[in-house]
Amino acid sequence: MKIYIGLGNPGTQYIYTRHNAGFLAVDHLRKQYDLSPFRYDKKYNAEVTEGMINNEKVLLIKPQTFMNSSGTCVRALMDYYKLSPEDLIVLHDELDLPFGTIKISDDSRAAGHNGVQNIIDHLETQTFRRIRIGVDARDEIMRKNISGRDYVLQKFSVKELEDLPPLFEKIIENTKKL
């Protein structure tokens, strides 16, 4: 069994923000693999769906704990299903990557991403798979005028929203190799 954790913030005001790229990615995975709609599970404080991807049982998870507290949900899931970090795939926004790119890593530090750091803290390891979704579309002037923290809470542009599905298709291609 694999658990795909999409990181983001709950609430309608965050739906299409850069920080919710992980939520958007698991939403796309759910649709592409024709899994049932997400349902809220109080036990994990998360939206959950399950099904089969590449002949393996999977859970797609959207923690409802807010980004920086995602580790509590992840730890609860890992304990309940008696899974190891090798069974975990975390999808999240990455400000250090240009918009439209992804990077997969299996053992890396949080690099300033508080949601990832919280998962590392709760699991007491950084050895789990991460699919980092590049969200930085700023030019040099914008980088000087807006902090990364504020930038990731901004909504994607209409053009960027149109460009996300092909990016998520790259993720799907990579899940076939996981």
N, C-alpha and C. Protein backbone atom coordinates (compact mmCIF):
# COMPACT_ATOMS: atom_id res chain seq x y z
N MET A 1 0.84 -1.18 0.00
CA MET A 1 0.00 0.00 0.00
C MET A 1 0.89 1.24 0.00
N LYS A 2 0.47 2.24 -0.76
CA LYS A 2 1.13 3.54 -0.80
C LYS A 2 0.16 4.61 -0.32
N ILE A 3 0.71 5.61 0.33
CA ILE A 3 -0.08 6.75 0.75
C ILE A 3 0.48 7.98 0.05
N TYR A 4 -0.36 8.64 -0.74
CA TYR A 4 -0.01 9.90 -1.40
C TYR A 4 -0.60 11.03 -0.57
N ILE A 5 0.27 11.86 -0.01
CA ILE A 5 -0.16 12.99 0.80
C ILE A 5 0.01 14.25 -0.04
N GLY A 6 -1.08 14.92 -0.33
CA GLY A 6 -1.01 16.22 -1.00
C GLY A 6 -1.04 17.29 0.06
N LEU A 7 -0.02 18.15 0.08
CA LEU A 7 0.02 19.19 1.09
C LEU A 7 -0.68 20.45 0.60
N GLY A 8 -1.35 21.10 1.54
CA GLY A 8 -2.07 22.34 1.24
C GLY A 8 -2.74 22.85 2.50
N ASN A 9 -3.53 23.86 2.32
CA ASN A 9 -4.31 24.44 3.42
C ASN A 9 -5.79 24.26 3.14
N PRO A 10 -6.56 23.88 4.17
CA PRO A 10 -8.01 23.76 3.97
C PRO A 10 -8.65 25.15 3.89
N GLY A 11 -9.80 25.19 3.27
CA GLY A 11 -10.55 26.44 3.19
C GLY A 11 -10.60 26.98 1.77
N THR A 12 -11.75 27.52 1.43
CA THR A 12 -11.96 27.99 0.05
C THR A 12 -11.00 29.12 -0.34
N GLN A 13 -10.54 29.91 0.63
CA GLN A 13 -9.64 31.02 0.29
C GLN A 13 -8.28 30.53 -0.20
N TYR A 14 -7.95 29.26 0.03
CA TYR A 14 -6.64 28.72 -0.36
C TYR A 14 -6.69 27.80 -1.59
N ILE A 15 -7.88 27.53 -2.11
CA ILE A 15 -8.05 26.47 -3.10
C ILE A 15 -7.04 26.55 -4.24
N TYR A 16 -6.89 27.67 -4.89
CA TYR A 16 -6.03 27.75 -6.06
C TYR A 16 -4.73 28.51 -5.79
N THR A 17 -4.27 28.47 -4.55
CA THR A 17 -3.00 29.12 -4.23
C THR A 17 -1.84 28.17 -4.55
N ARG A 18 -0.67 28.76 -4.71
CA ARG A 18 0.53 27.98 -5.01
C ARG A 18 0.83 26.98 -3.89
N HIS A 19 0.54 27.39 -2.66
CA HIS A 19 0.81 26.52 -1.52
C HIS A 19 -0.07 25.27 -1.54
N ASN A 20 -1.13 25.28 -2.33
CA ASN A 20 -2.03 24.14 -2.42
C ASN A 20 -1.76 23.27 -3.65
N ALA A 21 -0.59 23.39 -4.21
CA ALA A 21 -0.24 22.58 -5.38
C ALA A 21 -0.35 21.09 -5.07
N GLY A 22 -0.02 20.68 -3.85
CA GLY A 22 -0.14 19.27 -3.47
C GLY A 22 -1.59 18.80 -3.47
N PHE A 23 -2.49 19.63 -2.94
CA PHE A 23 -3.92 19.29 -2.97
C PHE A 23 -4.38 19.15 -4.42
N LEU A 24 -4.00 20.13 -5.26
CA LEU A 24 -4.42 20.10 -6.66
C LEU A 24 -3.89 18.86 -7.37
N ALA A 25 -2.67 18.45 -7.03
CA ALA A 25 -2.08 17.27 -7.66
C ALA A 25 -2.83 16.00 -7.29
N VAL A 26 -3.17 15.82 -6.01
CA VAL A 26 -3.90 14.60 -5.64
C VAL A 26 -5.33 14.64 -6.16
N ASP A 27 -5.91 15.84 -6.29
CA ASP A 27 -7.23 15.94 -6.94
C ASP A 27 -7.14 15.42 -8.37
N HIS A 28 -6.08 15.79 -9.06
CA HIS A 28 -5.89 15.34 -10.45
C HIS A 28 -5.66 13.82 -10.49
N LEU A 29 -4.85 13.31 -9.59
CA LEU A 29 -4.64 11.85 -9.54
C LEU A 29 -5.96 11.12 -9.31
N ARG A 30 -6.78 11.65 -8.39
CA ARG A 30 -8.07 11.01 -8.10
C ARG A 30 -8.92 10.92 -9.36
N LYS A 31 -8.98 12.01 -10.09
CA LYS A 31 -9.80 12.03 -11.32
C LYS A 31 -9.22 11.10 -12.39
N GLN A 32 -7.93 11.16 -12.59
CA GLN A 32 -7.31 10.36 -13.64
C GLN A 32 -7.42 8.86 -13.38
N TYR A 33 -7.38 8.46 -12.13
CA TYR A 33 -7.49 7.04 -11.79
C TYR A 33 -8.92 6.65 -11.41
N ASP A 34 -9.86 7.59 -11.59
CA ASP A 34 -11.28 7.34 -11.38
C ASP A 34 -11.57 6.79 -9.98
N LEU A 35 -10.97 7.42 -8.97
CA LEU A 35 -11.22 7.02 -7.59
C LEU A 35 -12.44 7.77 -7.07
N SER A 36 -13.03 7.26 -6.01
CA SER A 36 -14.21 7.89 -5.44
C SER A 36 -13.88 9.28 -4.91
N PRO A 37 -14.90 10.13 -4.76
CA PRO A 37 -14.65 11.48 -4.24
C PRO A 37 -14.02 11.43 -2.84
N PHE A 38 -13.28 12.48 -2.52
CA PHE A 38 -12.71 12.57 -1.18
C PHE A 38 -13.82 12.65 -0.14
N ARG A 39 -13.58 12.06 1.00
CA ARG A 39 -14.50 12.15 2.13
C ARG A 39 -13.68 12.51 3.36
N TYR A 40 -14.28 13.24 4.26
CA TYR A 40 -13.57 13.66 5.46
C TYR A 40 -13.51 12.49 6.44
N ASP A 41 -12.34 12.22 7.00
CA ASP A 41 -12.14 11.19 8.01
C ASP A 41 -11.62 11.86 9.27
N LYS A 42 -12.48 11.89 10.27
CA LYS A 42 -12.17 12.56 11.53
C LYS A 42 -10.95 11.96 12.23
N LYS A 43 -10.78 10.66 12.09
CA LYS A 43 -9.67 9.96 12.75
C LYS A 43 -8.31 10.55 12.37
N TYR A 44 -8.17 10.99 11.12
CA TYR A 44 -6.90 11.54 10.64
C TYR A 44 -6.96 13.05 10.43
N ASN A 45 -8.14 13.63 10.58
CA ASN A 45 -8.37 15.03 10.25
C ASN A 45 -7.88 15.28 8.82
N ALA A 46 -8.46 14.50 7.90
CA ALA A 46 -8.03 14.57 6.51
C ALA A 46 -9.16 14.19 5.58
N GLU A 47 -9.07 14.67 4.35
CA GLU A 47 -9.92 14.18 3.28
C GLU A 47 -9.20 12.98 2.68
N VAL A 48 -9.95 11.90 2.46
CA VAL A 48 -9.35 10.62 2.09
C VAL A 48 -10.13 10.00 0.94
N THR A 49 -9.42 9.37 0.04
CA THR A 49 -10.03 8.46 -0.93
C THR A 49 -9.05 7.31 -1.12
N GLU A 50 -9.56 6.20 -1.58
CA GLU A 50 -8.69 5.05 -1.79
C GLU A 50 -9.06 4.34 -3.07
N GLY A 51 -8.13 3.54 -3.54
CA GLY A 51 -8.36 2.80 -4.76
C GLY A 51 -7.09 2.11 -5.19
N MET A 52 -7.01 1.84 -6.48
CA MET A 52 -5.85 1.14 -7.03
C MET A 52 -5.15 2.04 -8.05
N ILE A 53 -3.83 2.09 -7.93
CA ILE A 53 -2.98 2.76 -8.91
C ILE A 53 -1.84 1.80 -9.20
N ASN A 54 -1.68 1.48 -10.48
CA ASN A 54 -0.62 0.56 -10.90
C ASN A 54 -0.70 -0.77 -10.14
N ASN A 55 -1.91 -1.30 -10.02
CA ASN A 55 -2.16 -2.59 -9.36
C ASN A 55 -1.74 -2.61 -7.90
N GLU A 56 -1.73 -1.47 -7.26
CA GLU A 56 -1.40 -1.40 -5.84
C GLU A 56 -2.44 -0.54 -5.14
N LYS A 57 -2.85 -0.97 -3.95
CA LYS A 57 -3.81 -0.18 -3.17
C LYS A 57 -3.15 1.11 -2.73
N VAL A 58 -3.89 2.21 -2.88
CA VAL A 58 -3.37 3.52 -2.49
C VAL A 58 -4.42 4.30 -1.70
N LEU A 59 -3.94 5.19 -0.88
CA LEU A 59 -4.76 6.20 -0.24
C LEU A 59 -4.28 7.55 -0.76
N LEU A 60 -5.20 8.40 -1.16
CA LEU A 60 -4.88 9.78 -1.48
C LEU A 60 -5.41 10.61 -0.32
N ILE A 61 -4.55 11.46 0.20
CA ILE A 61 -4.86 12.18 1.44
C ILE A 61 -4.65 13.68 1.25
N LYS A 62 -5.59 14.47 1.78
CA LYS A 62 -5.44 15.91 1.87
C LYS A 62 -5.63 16.28 3.35
N PRO A 63 -4.52 16.43 4.10
CA PRO A 63 -4.64 16.79 5.52
C PRO A 63 -5.42 18.09 5.68
N GLN A 64 -6.26 18.14 6.69
CA GLN A 64 -7.04 19.34 6.97
C GLN A 64 -6.49 20.07 8.20
N THR A 65 -5.22 19.86 8.47
CA THR A 65 -4.55 20.40 9.65
C THR A 65 -3.85 21.72 9.38
N PHE A 66 -3.92 22.24 8.20
CA PHE A 66 -3.11 23.34 7.69
C PHE A 66 -1.71 22.82 7.44
N MET A 67 -1.09 23.42 6.47
CA MET A 67 0.20 22.97 5.94
C MET A 67 1.23 22.67 7.03
N ASN A 68 1.43 23.61 7.94
CA ASN A 68 2.54 23.51 8.87
C ASN A 68 2.32 22.49 9.98
N SER A 69 1.18 21.83 10.00
CA SER A 69 0.90 20.78 10.99
C SER A 69 0.57 19.46 10.32
N SER A 70 1.00 19.27 9.10
CA SER A 70 0.68 18.07 8.32
C SER A 70 1.20 16.79 8.95
N GLY A 71 2.25 16.87 9.73
CA GLY A 71 2.87 15.69 10.32
C GLY A 71 1.96 14.91 11.25
N THR A 72 1.04 15.58 11.93
CA THR A 72 0.14 14.86 12.84
C THR A 72 -0.76 13.90 12.06
N CYS A 73 -1.26 14.35 10.93
CA CYS A 73 -2.10 13.51 10.08
C CYS A 73 -1.27 12.35 9.51
N VAL A 74 -0.09 12.66 9.00
CA VAL A 74 0.76 11.64 8.38
C VAL A 74 1.14 10.58 9.41
N ARG A 75 1.53 10.99 10.59
CA ARG A 75 1.93 10.04 11.64
C ARG A 75 0.74 9.13 12.00
N ALA A 76 -0.45 9.70 12.13
CA ALA A 76 -1.63 8.90 12.46
C ALA A 76 -1.91 7.85 11.39
N LEU A 77 -1.80 8.22 10.13
CA LEU A 77 -2.01 7.28 9.03
C LEU A 77 -0.96 6.18 9.02
N MET A 78 0.28 6.56 9.19
CA MET A 78 1.37 5.59 9.17
C MET A 78 1.22 4.58 10.31
N ASP A 79 0.85 5.07 11.48
CA ASP A 79 0.66 4.18 12.63
C ASP A 79 -0.53 3.25 12.43
N TYR A 80 -1.64 3.81 11.97
CA TYR A 80 -2.86 3.01 11.81
C TYR A 80 -2.65 1.88 10.80
N TYR A 81 -2.02 2.20 9.68
CA TYR A 81 -1.82 1.19 8.64
C TYR A 81 -0.51 0.42 8.77
N LYS A 82 0.26 0.76 9.82
CA LYS A 82 1.53 0.09 10.09
C LYS A 82 2.45 0.11 8.86
N LEU A 83 2.59 1.31 8.33
CA LEU A 83 3.41 1.50 7.14
C LEU A 83 4.75 2.12 7.50
N SER A 84 5.68 1.97 6.59
CA SER A 84 7.01 2.56 6.79
C SER A 84 7.14 3.79 5.89
N PRO A 85 8.13 4.63 6.13
CA PRO A 85 8.31 5.82 5.29
C PRO A 85 8.46 5.50 3.80
N GLU A 86 8.92 4.31 3.46
CA GLU A 86 9.05 3.93 2.05
C GLU A 86 7.68 3.84 1.35
N ASP A 87 6.61 3.76 2.13
CA ASP A 87 5.26 3.67 1.57
C ASP A 87 4.61 5.04 1.38
N LEU A 88 5.33 6.08 1.72
CA LEU A 88 4.80 7.44 1.74
C LEU A 88 5.32 8.24 0.54
N ILE A 89 4.41 8.96 -0.12
CA ILE A 89 4.76 9.88 -1.20
C ILE A 89 4.09 11.21 -0.88
N VAL A 90 4.89 12.24 -0.67
CA VAL A 90 4.38 13.56 -0.32
C VAL A 90 4.50 14.47 -1.54
N LEU A 91 3.40 15.08 -1.94
CA LEU A 91 3.36 16.01 -3.06
C LEU A 91 3.19 17.41 -2.50
N HIS A 92 4.08 18.32 -2.87
CA HIS A 92 4.00 19.67 -2.29
C HIS A 92 4.58 20.72 -3.22
N ASP A 93 4.20 21.95 -2.95
CA ASP A 93 4.73 23.09 -3.69
C ASP A 93 6.20 23.27 -3.38
N GLU A 94 6.93 23.76 -4.36
CA GLU A 94 8.36 24.00 -4.16
C GLU A 94 8.74 25.34 -4.79
N LEU A 95 9.03 26.30 -3.93
CA LEU A 95 9.38 27.65 -4.39
C LEU A 95 10.78 27.69 -5.00
N ASP A 96 11.61 26.71 -4.71
CA ASP A 96 12.96 26.68 -5.27
C ASP A 96 13.01 26.09 -6.68
N LEU A 97 11.87 25.72 -7.23
CA LEU A 97 11.80 25.19 -8.59
C LEU A 97 10.95 26.11 -9.46
N PRO A 98 11.34 26.31 -10.71
CA PRO A 98 10.52 27.13 -11.60
C PRO A 98 9.15 26.48 -11.83
N PHE A 99 8.16 27.34 -12.05
CA PHE A 99 6.82 26.85 -12.34
C PHE A 99 6.88 25.89 -13.53
N GLY A 100 6.15 24.79 -13.41
CA GLY A 100 6.06 23.84 -14.51
C GLY A 100 7.06 22.71 -14.44
N THR A 101 7.83 22.65 -13.37
CA THR A 101 8.80 21.56 -13.23
C THR A 101 8.45 20.73 -12.00
N ILE A 102 8.93 19.50 -12.00
CA ILE A 102 8.81 18.66 -10.83
C ILE A 102 10.18 18.06 -10.54
N LYS A 103 10.35 17.69 -9.29
CA LYS A 103 11.58 17.01 -8.89
C LYS A 103 11.20 15.97 -7.86
N ILE A 104 11.70 14.76 -8.04
CA ILE A 104 11.41 13.68 -7.12
C ILE A 104 12.66 13.42 -6.29
N SER A 105 12.47 13.35 -4.99
CA SER A 105 13.60 13.04 -4.10
C SER A 105 13.14 12.01 -3.08
N ASP A 106 14.09 11.24 -2.59
CA ASP A 106 13.78 10.18 -1.62
C ASP A 106 14.36 10.42 -0.24
N ASP A 107 15.30 11.32 -0.13
CA ASP A 107 15.97 11.52 1.16
C ASP A 107 16.58 12.92 1.15
N SER A 108 15.74 13.91 1.45
CA SER A 108 16.26 15.27 1.46
C SER A 108 15.63 16.08 2.58
N ARG A 109 16.33 17.11 2.97
CA ARG A 109 15.85 17.98 4.03
C ARG A 109 14.67 18.82 3.54
N ALA A 110 14.02 19.48 4.46
CA ALA A 110 12.84 20.26 4.14
C ALA A 110 13.15 21.53 3.36
N ALA A 111 14.36 22.04 3.45
CA ALA A 111 14.78 23.24 2.72
C ALA A 111 13.83 24.42 2.95
N GLY A 112 13.40 24.59 4.18
CA GLY A 112 12.55 25.73 4.51
C GLY A 112 11.06 25.50 4.34
N HIS A 113 10.66 24.33 3.86
CA HIS A 113 9.23 24.04 3.69
C HIS A 113 8.69 23.52 5.03
N ASN A 114 7.89 24.35 5.69
CA ASN A 114 7.43 24.02 7.05
C ASN A 114 6.52 22.80 7.11
N GLY A 115 5.72 22.57 6.07
CA GLY A 115 4.87 21.38 6.05
C GLY A 115 5.70 20.12 5.98
N VAL A 116 6.71 20.12 5.13
CA VAL A 116 7.60 18.97 5.02
C VAL A 116 8.39 18.79 6.31
N GLN A 117 8.86 19.89 6.89
CA GLN A 117 9.62 19.80 8.14
C GLN A 117 8.76 19.18 9.24
N ASN A 118 7.50 19.53 9.29
CA ASN A 118 6.61 18.97 10.31
C ASN A 118 6.44 17.46 10.12
N ILE A 119 6.38 17.01 8.88
CA ILE A 119 6.31 15.57 8.62
C ILE A 119 7.61 14.90 9.06
N ILE A 120 8.74 15.49 8.70
CA ILE A 120 10.03 14.94 9.12
C ILE A 120 10.10 14.84 10.64
N ASP A 121 9.65 15.89 11.32
CA ASP A 121 9.67 15.89 12.79
C ASP A 121 8.80 14.78 13.37
N HIS A 122 7.61 14.58 12.82
CA HIS A 122 6.70 13.56 13.34
C HIS A 122 7.15 12.14 13.00
N LEU A 123 7.77 11.96 11.85
CA LEU A 123 8.23 10.62 11.45
C LEU A 123 9.64 10.33 11.95
N GLU A 124 10.34 11.38 12.36
CA GLU A 124 11.72 11.27 12.82
C GLU A 124 12.64 10.71 11.73
N THR A 125 12.32 11.04 10.50
CA THR A 125 13.17 10.67 9.36
C THR A 125 12.81 11.59 8.20
N GLN A 126 13.79 11.80 7.33
CA GLN A 126 13.54 12.53 6.09
C GLN A 126 13.58 11.58 4.89
N THR A 127 13.64 10.29 5.18
CA THR A 127 13.75 9.28 4.14
C THR A 127 12.36 8.82 3.71
N PHE A 128 11.74 9.65 2.89
CA PHE A 128 10.47 9.30 2.25
C PHE A 128 10.45 10.04 0.92
N ARG A 129 9.64 9.55 0.01
CA ARG A 129 9.59 10.12 -1.34
C ARG A 129 8.79 11.42 -1.33
N ARG A 130 9.34 12.38 -2.03
CA ARG A 130 8.67 13.67 -2.20
C ARG A 130 8.60 14.00 -3.68
N ILE A 131 7.46 14.46 -4.11
CA ILE A 131 7.31 15.00 -5.45
C ILE A 131 7.12 16.50 -5.27
N ARG A 132 8.17 17.22 -5.61
CA ARG A 132 8.22 18.67 -5.42
C ARG A 132 7.71 19.33 -6.69
N ILE A 133 6.70 20.17 -6.55
CA ILE A 133 6.02 20.80 -7.68
C ILE A 133 6.46 22.26 -7.75
N GLY A 134 7.20 22.61 -8.81
CA GLY A 134 7.70 23.97 -8.96
C GLY A 134 6.58 24.97 -9.14
N VAL A 135 6.60 26.02 -8.30
CA VAL A 135 5.54 27.04 -8.35
C VAL A 135 6.08 28.46 -8.55
N ASP A 136 7.39 28.61 -8.72
CA ASP A 136 7.96 29.95 -8.80
C ASP A 136 7.91 30.49 -10.23
N ALA A 137 7.05 31.48 -10.44
CA ALA A 137 6.93 32.14 -11.74
C ALA A 137 7.32 33.61 -11.62
N ARG A 138 8.02 33.97 -10.55
CA ARG A 138 8.37 35.38 -10.32
C ARG A 138 9.55 35.79 -11.19
N ASP A 139 9.54 37.05 -11.58
CA ASP A 139 10.73 37.61 -12.22
C ASP A 139 11.59 38.24 -11.12
N GLU A 140 12.75 38.75 -11.47
CA GLU A 140 13.69 39.30 -10.48
C GLU A 140 13.08 40.44 -9.68
N ILE A 141 12.33 41.30 -10.34
CA ILE A 141 11.71 42.44 -9.65
C ILE A 141 10.70 41.94 -8.63
N MET A 142 9.88 40.98 -9.04
CA MET A 142 8.87 40.46 -8.12
C MET A 142 9.54 39.76 -6.93
N ARG A 143 10.64 39.06 -7.15
CA ARG A 143 11.35 38.38 -6.06
C ARG A 143 11.81 39.37 -5.00
N LYS A 144 12.18 40.57 -5.44
CA LYS A 144 12.64 41.59 -4.50
C LYS A 144 11.48 42.24 -3.75
N ASN A 145 10.30 42.21 -4.33
CA ASN A 145 9.16 42.95 -3.77
C ASN A 145 8.16 42.11 -3.00
N ILE A 146 8.27 40.80 -3.07
CA ILE A 146 7.31 39.97 -2.35
C ILE A 146 8.06 38.78 -1.74
N SER A 147 7.78 38.53 -0.49
CA SER A 147 8.45 37.41 0.19
C SER A 147 7.92 36.09 -0.36
N GLY A 148 8.73 35.06 -0.26
CA GLY A 148 8.29 33.73 -0.67
C GLY A 148 7.05 33.30 0.10
N ARG A 149 7.02 33.62 1.38
CA ARG A 149 5.89 33.26 2.24
C ARG A 149 4.58 33.85 1.71
N ASP A 150 4.64 35.13 1.31
CA ASP A 150 3.43 35.77 0.77
C ASP A 150 3.12 35.26 -0.64
N TYR A 151 4.15 35.01 -1.40
CA TYR A 151 3.97 34.58 -2.80
C TYR A 151 3.23 33.25 -2.88
N VAL A 152 3.61 32.27 -2.04
CA VAL A 152 2.97 30.96 -2.15
C VAL A 152 1.51 31.00 -1.74
N LEU A 153 1.09 32.05 -1.04
CA LEU A 153 -0.31 32.17 -0.65
C LEU A 153 -1.14 32.91 -1.70
N GLN A 154 -0.49 33.34 -2.78
CA GLN A 154 -1.21 33.95 -3.88
C GLN A 154 -1.80 32.88 -4.79
N LYS A 155 -2.88 33.23 -5.45
CA LYS A 155 -3.51 32.30 -6.38
C LYS A 155 -2.70 32.21 -7.67
N PHE A 156 -2.75 31.02 -8.27
CA PHE A 156 -2.16 30.84 -9.59
C PHE A 156 -2.89 31.76 -10.58
N SER A 157 -2.20 32.20 -11.61
CA SER A 157 -2.85 32.97 -12.67
C SER A 157 -3.73 32.02 -13.49
N VAL A 158 -4.60 32.58 -14.30
CA VAL A 158 -5.45 31.77 -15.18
C VAL A 158 -4.58 30.91 -16.10
N LYS A 159 -3.54 31.51 -16.66
CA LYS A 159 -2.63 30.78 -17.55
C LYS A 159 -1.94 29.63 -16.81
N GLU A 160 -1.48 29.89 -15.59
CA GLU A 160 -0.82 28.85 -14.80
C GLU A 160 -1.79 27.71 -14.49
N LEU A 161 -3.03 28.05 -14.18
CA LEU A 161 -4.03 26.99 -13.92
C LEU A 161 -4.23 26.12 -15.16
N GLU A 162 -4.17 26.73 -16.34
CA GLU A 162 -4.28 25.97 -17.59
C GLU A 162 -3.06 25.07 -17.80
N ASP A 163 -1.91 25.51 -17.29
CA ASP A 163 -0.66 24.76 -17.46
C ASP A 163 -0.46 23.67 -16.41
N LEU A 164 -1.27 23.65 -15.37
CA LEU A 164 -1.09 22.64 -14.31
C LEU A 164 -1.44 21.22 -14.75
N PRO A 165 -2.54 20.98 -15.47
CA PRO A 165 -2.86 19.58 -15.84
C PRO A 165 -1.72 18.86 -16.56
N PRO A 166 -1.04 19.48 -17.54
CA PRO A 166 0.09 18.76 -18.15
C PRO A 166 1.21 18.47 -17.14
N LEU A 167 1.41 19.37 -16.21
CA LEU A 167 2.40 19.13 -15.16
C LEU A 167 1.98 17.94 -14.30
N PHE A 168 0.71 17.89 -13.96
CA PHE A 168 0.22 16.77 -13.16
C PHE A 168 0.29 15.46 -13.94
N GLU A 169 0.17 15.54 -15.26
CA GLU A 169 0.34 14.34 -16.09
C GLU A 169 1.77 13.81 -15.98
N LYS A 170 2.75 14.72 -15.86
CA LYS A 170 4.14 14.28 -15.62
C LYS A 170 4.23 13.51 -14.31
N ILE A 171 3.49 13.98 -13.32
CA ILE A 171 3.48 13.29 -12.02
C ILE A 171 2.89 11.90 -12.19
N ILE A 172 1.80 11.80 -12.95
CA ILE A 172 1.18 10.50 -13.17
C ILE A 172 2.15 9.57 -13.87
N GLU A 173 2.87 10.07 -14.87
CA GLU A 173 3.87 9.23 -15.54
C GLU A 173 4.92 8.73 -14.55
N ASN A 174 5.30 9.59 -13.62
CA ASN A 174 6.30 9.20 -12.63
C ASN A 174 5.73 8.25 -11.58
N THR A 175 4.43 8.33 -11.30
CA THR A 175 3.84 7.38 -10.33
C THR A 175 3.86 5.98 -10.89
N LYS A 176 3.85 5.84 -12.20
CA LYS A 176 3.90 4.51 -12.80
C LYS A 176 5.25 3.84 -12.55
N LYS A 177 6.25 4.65 -12.23
CA LYS A 177 7.59 4.12 -11.97
C LYS A 177 7.85 3.89 -10.48
N LEU A 178 6.94 4.34 -9.64
CA LEU A 178 7.17 4.25 -8.19
C LEU A 178 6.84 2.87 -7.65
